[in-house]
Amino acid sequence: MKIVGDYTRLDFIQIWLLEVFDYWGYLHDAVVWNCGRTPEGREYLETAYNHSQTEPDRARLRIKCGGGEHGKQ
């Protein structure tokens, strides 16, 4: 509740009265906001984002592998 309070500037009673989905949304945003304040936190967020991806970034892979059209040289 403290991190949500710090992020939203709501007191604990106001937070307690939030709908559960509103609370979880604020909690998500507060964690991202808090992590984004330090280099280590930003690195964590980038790593977490990369782990959540289910499709490869084909354009970036082509550039990294030095391939031309469709990854062929």
Protein backbone atom coordinates (compact mmCIF):
# COMPACT_ATOMS: atom_id res chain seq x y z
CA MET A 1 0.00 0.00 0.00
CA LYS A 2 2.89 2.35 0.70
CA ILE A 3 4.25 2.29 -2.84
CA VAL A 4 0.76 2.99 -4.23
CA GLY A 5 0.38 5.83 -1.73
CA ASP A 6 3.72 7.32 -2.70
CA TYR A 7 2.83 7.08 -6.38
CA THR A 8 -0.78 8.35 -6.19
CA ARG A 9 -0.49 10.59 -3.11
CA LEU A 10 -3.60 8.88 -1.72
CA ASP A 11 -3.78 8.05 1.98
CA PHE A 12 -4.23 4.46 3.19
CA ILE A 13 -8.00 4.84 3.69
CA GLN A 14 -8.46 6.07 0.12
CA ILE A 15 -6.31 3.22 -1.16
CA TRP A 16 -8.26 0.71 0.92
CA LEU A 17 -11.50 1.92 -0.69
CA LEU A 18 -10.24 1.48 -4.26
CA GLU A 19 -11.70 -1.18 -6.50
CA VAL A 20 -9.34 -4.14 -6.75
CA PHE A 21 -8.59 -3.60 -10.44
CA ASP A 22 -7.83 0.07 -9.85
CA TYR A 23 -5.49 -0.91 -7.02
CA TRP A 24 -3.65 -3.48 -9.15
CA GLY A 25 -3.35 -0.96 -11.99
CA TYR A 26 -1.89 1.64 -9.64
CA LEU A 27 0.42 -0.98 -8.12
CA HIS A 28 1.74 -1.94 -11.56
CA ASP A 29 2.30 1.69 -12.52
CA ALA A 30 3.92 2.45 -9.16
CA VAL A 31 6.39 -0.43 -9.48
CA VAL A 32 7.34 0.63 -13.01
CA TRP A 33 7.66 4.26 -11.87
CA ASN A 34 9.79 3.27 -8.89
CA CYS A 35 12.06 0.97 -10.92
CA GLY A 36 12.51 3.59 -13.61
CA ARG A 37 14.20 5.94 -11.17
CA THR A 38 17.53 4.04 -11.01
CA PRO A 39 19.81 2.55 -13.67
CA GLU A 40 19.48 -0.90 -12.08
CA GLY A 41 15.70 -0.58 -12.08
CA ARG A 42 15.63 0.46 -15.72
CA GLU A 43 17.82 -2.53 -16.58
CA TYR A 44 15.42 -4.79 -14.66
CA LEU A 45 12.43 -3.36 -16.55
CA GLU A 46 14.15 -3.85 -19.90
CA THR A 47 15.04 -7.45 -19.02
CA ALA A 48 11.49 -8.14 -17.82
CA TYR A 49 10.09 -6.67 -21.04
CA ASN A 50 12.42 -8.81 -23.15
CA HIS A 51 11.42 -11.95 -21.24
CA SER A 52 7.73 -11.22 -21.80
CA GLN A 53 8.07 -11.06 -25.60
CA THR A 54 6.75 -14.07 -27.50
CA GLU A 55 7.68 -12.97 -31.03
CA PRO A 56 11.24 -12.26 -32.20
CA ASP A 57 12.23 -8.77 -33.33
CA ARG A 58 13.09 -9.84 -36.85
CA ALA A 59 14.37 -6.43 -37.99
CA ARG A 60 16.82 -6.20 -35.11
CA LEU A 61 17.95 -9.81 -35.67
CA ARG A 62 18.61 -9.08 -39.35
CA ILE A 63 20.74 -6.07 -38.41
CA LYS A 64 22.61 -7.98 -35.72
CA CYS A 65 23.29 -10.99 -37.93
CA GLY A 66 24.36 -8.80 -40.86
CA GLY A 67 21.80 -10.28 -43.19
CA GLY A 68 20.15 -8.57 -46.08
CA GLU A 69 16.66 -9.25 -47.27
CA HIS A 70 15.04 -11.96 -45.14
CA GLY A 71 18.32 -12.53 -43.30
CA LYS A 72 20.23 -13.81 -46.33
CA GLN A 73 23.66 -12.57 -47.25
